[in-house]
Each structure stands twice: as C-alpha cells, then as structure tokens.
Protein backbone atom coordinates (compact mmCIF):
# COMPACT_ATOMS: atom_id res chain seq x y z
CA MET A 1 0.00 0.00 0.00
CA ARG A 2 1.32 3.43 -0.90
CA SER A 3 1.35 5.94 1.93
CA ILE A 4 -0.49 9.25 1.73
CA GLU A 5 1.29 12.23 3.22
CA LEU A 6 -0.77 14.48 5.46
CA SER A 7 0.28 17.60 7.35
CA VAL A 8 -0.66 17.55 11.01
CA GLU A 9 -0.21 19.87 13.99
CA SER A 10 -0.82 19.41 17.67
CA ARG A 11 -3.52 21.56 19.26
CA ALA A 12 -4.37 22.66 22.77
CA VAL A 13 -6.76 20.35 24.59
CA GLY A 14 -9.16 23.21 25.39
CA GLU A 15 -9.14 24.71 21.87
CA SER A 16 -12.66 25.11 20.53
CA PRO A 17 -13.40 22.53 17.78
CA ARG A 18 -16.03 24.85 16.31
CA ARG A 19 -13.52 27.70 16.06
CA LEU A 20 -11.00 25.35 14.42
CA ARG A 21 -13.53 24.27 11.82
CA ARG A 22 -14.44 27.88 11.05
CA ALA A 23 -10.72 28.49 10.46
CA GLY A 24 -10.59 25.64 7.90
CA ALA A 25 -9.18 22.90 10.13
CA ILE A 26 -10.48 19.52 11.28
CA PRO A 27 -9.80 18.57 14.91
CA GLY A 28 -8.68 15.07 15.71
CA VAL A 29 -6.79 12.81 18.07
CA LEU A 30 -3.75 10.59 17.49
CA TYR A 31 -3.31 7.55 19.71
CA GLY A 32 -1.96 4.01 19.79
CA ALA A 33 1.38 2.18 19.52
CA GLY A 34 1.91 2.57 23.24
CA THR A 35 2.14 6.37 23.13
CA ALA A 36 0.11 9.06 24.86
CA ASN A 37 -2.90 10.52 23.11
CA VAL A 38 -2.20 13.73 21.19
CA CYS A 39 -4.86 16.25 20.19
CA VAL A 40 -4.19 17.25 16.60
CA LYS A 41 -5.62 19.26 13.73
CA VAL A 42 -5.36 18.92 9.94
CA ASP A 43 -6.19 21.26 7.09
CA ALA A 44 -9.73 20.52 5.88
CA HIS A 45 -8.94 21.24 2.22
CA GLU A 46 -5.85 19.03 2.23
CA PHE A 47 -7.77 16.24 3.96
CA SER A 48 -10.56 16.44 1.38
CA LYS A 49 -8.13 16.32 -1.56
CA SER A 50 -6.22 13.37 -0.08
CA GLY A 51 -9.13 10.95 -0.51
CA LEU A 52 -8.75 9.77 3.07
CA SER A 53 -12.46 10.11 3.77
CA GLY A 54 -13.28 7.27 1.37
CA HIS A 55 -13.85 3.60 2.17
CA GLY A 56 -11.03 1.28 3.13
CA ALA A 57 -7.68 1.51 4.85
CA HIS A 58 -5.19 4.24 4.00
CA LEU A 59 -1.67 4.30 5.38
CA ILE A 60 -0.82 7.89 6.33
CA LYS A 61 2.67 9.33 6.62
CA LEU A 62 2.46 12.30 8.93
CA LYS A 63 4.27 15.53 8.10
CA SER A 64 4.83 18.07 10.84
CA VAL A 65 7.26 20.71 12.10
CA GLU A 66 6.97 18.93 15.44
CA ALA A 67 9.50 16.12 15.81
CA ALA A 68 7.13 14.01 17.89
CA LEU A 69 4.66 13.86 14.99
CA ASP A 70 6.83 14.09 11.88
CA GLN A 71 7.33 10.87 9.85
CA GLY A 72 4.91 8.93 12.02
CA LEU A 73 2.62 6.33 10.45
CA ALA A 74 -1.11 6.19 11.12
CA LEU A 75 -4.40 4.74 9.94
CA ILE A 76 -7.78 6.40 10.19
CA GLN A 77 -9.74 4.71 12.92
CA ASP A 78 -12.90 6.80 12.71
CA ILE A 79 -14.30 9.87 10.95
CA GLN A 80 -17.18 11.80 12.47
CA GLY A 81 -19.26 13.51 9.79
CA HIS A 82 -21.55 16.53 9.96
CA PRO A 83 -25.17 15.32 10.37
CA VAL A 84 -26.38 17.40 7.41
CA SER A 85 -23.48 17.96 5.00
CA GLY A 86 -21.53 14.80 5.83
CA ALA A 87 -18.28 16.80 5.85
CA PRO A 88 -15.64 15.46 8.30
CA ILE A 89 -15.75 17.30 11.62
CA HIS A 90 -13.46 15.06 13.70
CA VAL A 91 -10.90 12.35 12.87
CA ASP A 92 -9.40 9.61 15.03
CA PHE A 93 -5.91 8.60 13.87
CA LEU A 94 -4.42 5.28 15.01
CA ARG A 95 -0.63 5.44 15.25
CA VAL A 96 0.98 2.24 13.90
CA ASP A 97 4.42 0.63 13.94
CA ALA A 98 5.77 -0.38 10.51
CA ASN A 99 7.00 -3.70 11.98
CA THR A 100 3.84 -4.66 13.85
CA PRO A 101 0.78 -6.22 12.12
CA VAL A 102 -2.45 -4.23 12.33
CA THR A 103 -6.10 -4.98 11.68
CA ALA A 104 -7.87 -2.71 9.19
CA ALA A 105 -10.91 -2.57 6.93
CA VAL A 106 -10.00 -2.72 3.23
CA ALA A 107 -12.37 -1.68 0.44
CA ILE A 108 -13.66 -4.24 -2.08
CA SER A 109 -13.68 -3.54 -5.82
CA PHE A 110 -15.95 -5.73 -7.98
CA THR A 111 -14.63 -6.38 -11.49
CA GLY A 112 -16.20 -7.93 -14.58
CA LYS A 113 -19.85 -8.40 -15.54
CA ALA A 114 -21.63 -11.36 -13.97
CA LYS A 115 -23.04 -13.77 -16.54
CA GLY A 116 -26.16 -14.10 -14.40
CA VAL A 117 -26.75 -10.37 -14.91
CA VAL A 118 -25.74 -10.04 -18.56
CA GLY A 119 -27.31 -13.25 -19.85
CA GLU A 120 -30.09 -14.00 -17.37
CA GLY A 121 -31.32 -10.60 -16.23
CA GLY A 122 -30.25 -11.09 -12.64
CA ILE A 123 -29.23 -8.42 -10.15
CA LEU A 124 -25.73 -8.13 -8.69
CA GLN A 125 -26.17 -7.72 -4.94
CA PRO A 126 -23.06 -6.60 -2.98
CA VAL A 127 -23.40 -7.55 0.67
CA ARG A 128 -20.08 -6.18 1.93
CA ARG A 129 -18.12 -3.15 0.73
CA GLU A 130 -15.14 -3.79 2.99
CA ILE A 131 -13.47 -6.75 4.63
CA GLU A 132 -11.32 -6.79 7.74
CA VAL A 133 -7.75 -7.99 7.27
CA ARG A 134 -4.55 -8.23 9.27
CA ALA A 135 -1.12 -7.38 7.87
CA LEU A 136 1.94 -5.23 8.35
CA PRO A 137 0.99 -1.60 7.63
CA GLY A 138 3.07 -1.52 4.46
CA ASN A 139 1.40 -4.71 3.16
CA LEU A 140 -2.17 -3.53 3.53
CA PRO A 141 -3.76 -3.50 0.05
CA GLU A 142 -5.46 -0.29 -1.12
CA HIS A 143 -8.40 -2.43 -2.24
CA ILE A 144 -9.23 -6.07 -2.93
CA ASP A 145 -10.48 -7.02 -6.39
CA ILE A 146 -13.20 -9.66 -6.70
CA ASP A 147 -14.04 -10.89 -10.20
CA VAL A 148 -17.78 -11.58 -10.54
CA THR A 149 -17.72 -12.63 -14.22
CA GLU A 150 -18.57 -16.31 -13.61
CA LEU A 151 -21.42 -15.69 -11.18
CA GLY A 152 -24.79 -17.00 -12.36
CA ILE A 153 -28.22 -16.67 -10.75
CA HIS A 154 -28.03 -17.63 -7.04
CA ASP A 155 -24.21 -17.83 -7.14
CA SER A 156 -22.23 -16.10 -4.39
CA VAL A 157 -18.70 -15.23 -3.35
CA HIS A 158 -17.87 -15.87 0.30
CA ILE A 159 -14.97 -14.54 2.32
CA ALA A 160 -13.21 -17.94 2.22
CA ASP A 161 -13.23 -17.75 -1.60
CA VAL A 162 -11.25 -14.51 -1.76
CA ALA A 163 -7.60 -14.70 -2.79
CA LEU A 164 -5.55 -12.23 -0.76
CA PRO A 165 -2.04 -10.90 -1.36
CA GLU A 166 0.84 -12.62 0.42
CA GLY A 167 1.14 -11.52 4.01
CA VAL A 168 -2.51 -10.47 4.26
CA GLU A 169 -4.96 -12.49 6.35
CA ALA A 170 -8.75 -12.08 6.38
CA ILE A 171 -10.29 -11.79 9.85
CA TYR A 172 -13.60 -13.63 10.20
CA GLN A 173 -15.42 -16.34 12.14
CA ASP A 174 -18.35 -17.14 9.86
CA ASN A 175 -17.87 -17.66 6.11
CA PHE A 176 -20.05 -14.67 5.25
CA THR A 177 -21.29 -13.69 1.79
CA ILE A 178 -19.62 -10.77 0.04
CA VAL A 179 -21.62 -10.61 -3.19
CA SER A 180 -24.30 -12.66 -4.90
CA VAL A 181 -26.50 -12.61 -8.01
CA LEU A 182 -30.23 -12.47 -7.35
CA PRO A 183 -32.90 -13.62 -9.82
CA PRO A 184 -34.84 -10.96 -11.74
CA THR A 185 -37.48 -9.13 -9.74
CA LYS A 186 -41.07 -10.32 -10.04
CA GLU A 187 -42.07 -7.08 -11.77
CA ALA A 188 -39.32 -7.43 -14.35
CA ALA A 189 -40.21 -11.06 -14.99
CA GLU A 190 -43.91 -10.23 -15.40
CA GLY A 191 -43.09 -7.38 -17.76
CA ALA A 192 -40.93 -9.50 -20.04
CA PRO A 193 -42.72 -10.41 -23.31
CA THR A 194 -43.54 -14.08 -23.91
CA ALA A 195 -44.02 -15.84 -27.24
CA GLU A 196 -47.81 -15.84 -26.74
CA THR A 197 -48.07 -12.14 -25.92
CA THR A 198 -45.79 -11.25 -28.81
CA GLU A 199 -47.93 -13.21 -31.30
CA ALA A 200 -51.15 -11.73 -29.87
CA ALA A 201 -49.77 -8.21 -30.18
CA ALA A 202 -48.76 -8.85 -33.76
CA ALA A 203 -52.21 -10.15 -34.66
CA ALA A 204 -54.12 -7.28 -32.98
CA PRO A 205 -54.88 -4.14 -35.07
CA ALA A 206 -52.70 -1.15 -34.38
CA ALA A 207 -54.10 1.45 -32.03
CA GLY A 208 -56.25 3.91 -33.95
CA ALA A 209 -56.43 1.71 -37.04
CA ALA A 210 -59.86 1.41 -38.66
CA THR A 211 -61.67 -1.91 -38.32
CA PRO A 212 -62.69 -3.30 -41.76
CA ALA A 213 -66.44 -2.98 -42.35
CA ALA A 214 -68.44 -6.17 -42.74
CA SER A 215 -69.37 -6.87 -46.34
C-alpha cells in the first residue's frame, strides 16, 4: 500500500473545535502504539483532496514541524461527519508501527460483468463493501479485487473464496457472503414479453387503425 502524506499539527486540549472548523481545520486525536494521546488538527482542504475520507484503509505518513509527529505512520480509525453535510468534523488517527501487524478494513472492488446479470437478467447484490484484514501496515492493500464474471443466478462469493495478497490475512469467524446474483425481480419477470403475448400483439390491429367494415 502506498502511503499518503498528510500535514498535522498538535492543538491545545481546550481549543474550541467549532472555532477550528471555522478556520478551515479539522480537529482530531492521534493515539496508539503505546504512546500518549495527542490532540491534533489537519487542514480541511488538504484532507478532502487526499481521498482519506473514502472507504477502506489508507496508510498515512504524517508531516509536521513537530519532531514528535513528523514521519509517524497512522491509519484512520474513525471519521465523524456533519449530520447534514456529511463533511468530516473530527478524525481519530491510530498510530501504527511499521513492523507490527495491524487490523484494518479494506475496500472491495468488484470487477467484470456477472453472466447471471448479462445473460439472465439477474441483479448483482453486494453484501459487503469492505473486509477486515490483518497485515503489516506496508502490506495492507489499497483495495481487494473480486471478479464476478462467472457468477450466475443464485451464485455467491464468500470470504473464504477470496484470494488475498501474500502476508494479508482475512479476519472472520463465519464464512459470510460478500456478493451474490439475485434472480430478476417479479415485476421485471412479469413485464418481459412471452411468445404468446408477442404473437397476440402482432395479430391485434394497431391502435387507432380502422376496423374493416363487414361486407
């Protein structure tokens, strides 16, 4: 996984989060790896451009003028969003050690077109958008590709079926479903033309056409 650089500064514990946000910053906290919690702030515009608010794990390389923060590695543990706009208003950063395995949620990317959808009119139904894995921070994949091309109606991919990169282990107890192909909906099936309805439509006079008078 490539690391994403992010500038970070420490902030005073009593500093008003609302005032920080008005000034274009997002308050947060950095913790983990056996170190004390540190209240931090990041530039809201930089954070938005970084793509860190998306799904999945992202390894962050911290940049700071403060030696205690500079060059540190972190993962996003939680993002609190605004209840109306959804914009990030607080971020929890988990400090990690490059030589110690971590558990993180990694985004799933579905590739291909399921034959049950293309040829049979089924519906691709993702059940999970992320899966939890364990690996060294540098080995965490940015996303996991799952090819759905061979899935027919009622076929599924389960977590045990997923091939993971070397050094990456899926964390699960039950062999849960990740994606499946459902049969066409009842409405779609009822709306599909049959041979009988097609022949009947062909034999019926066109709308507005005059009916021949009896001789």
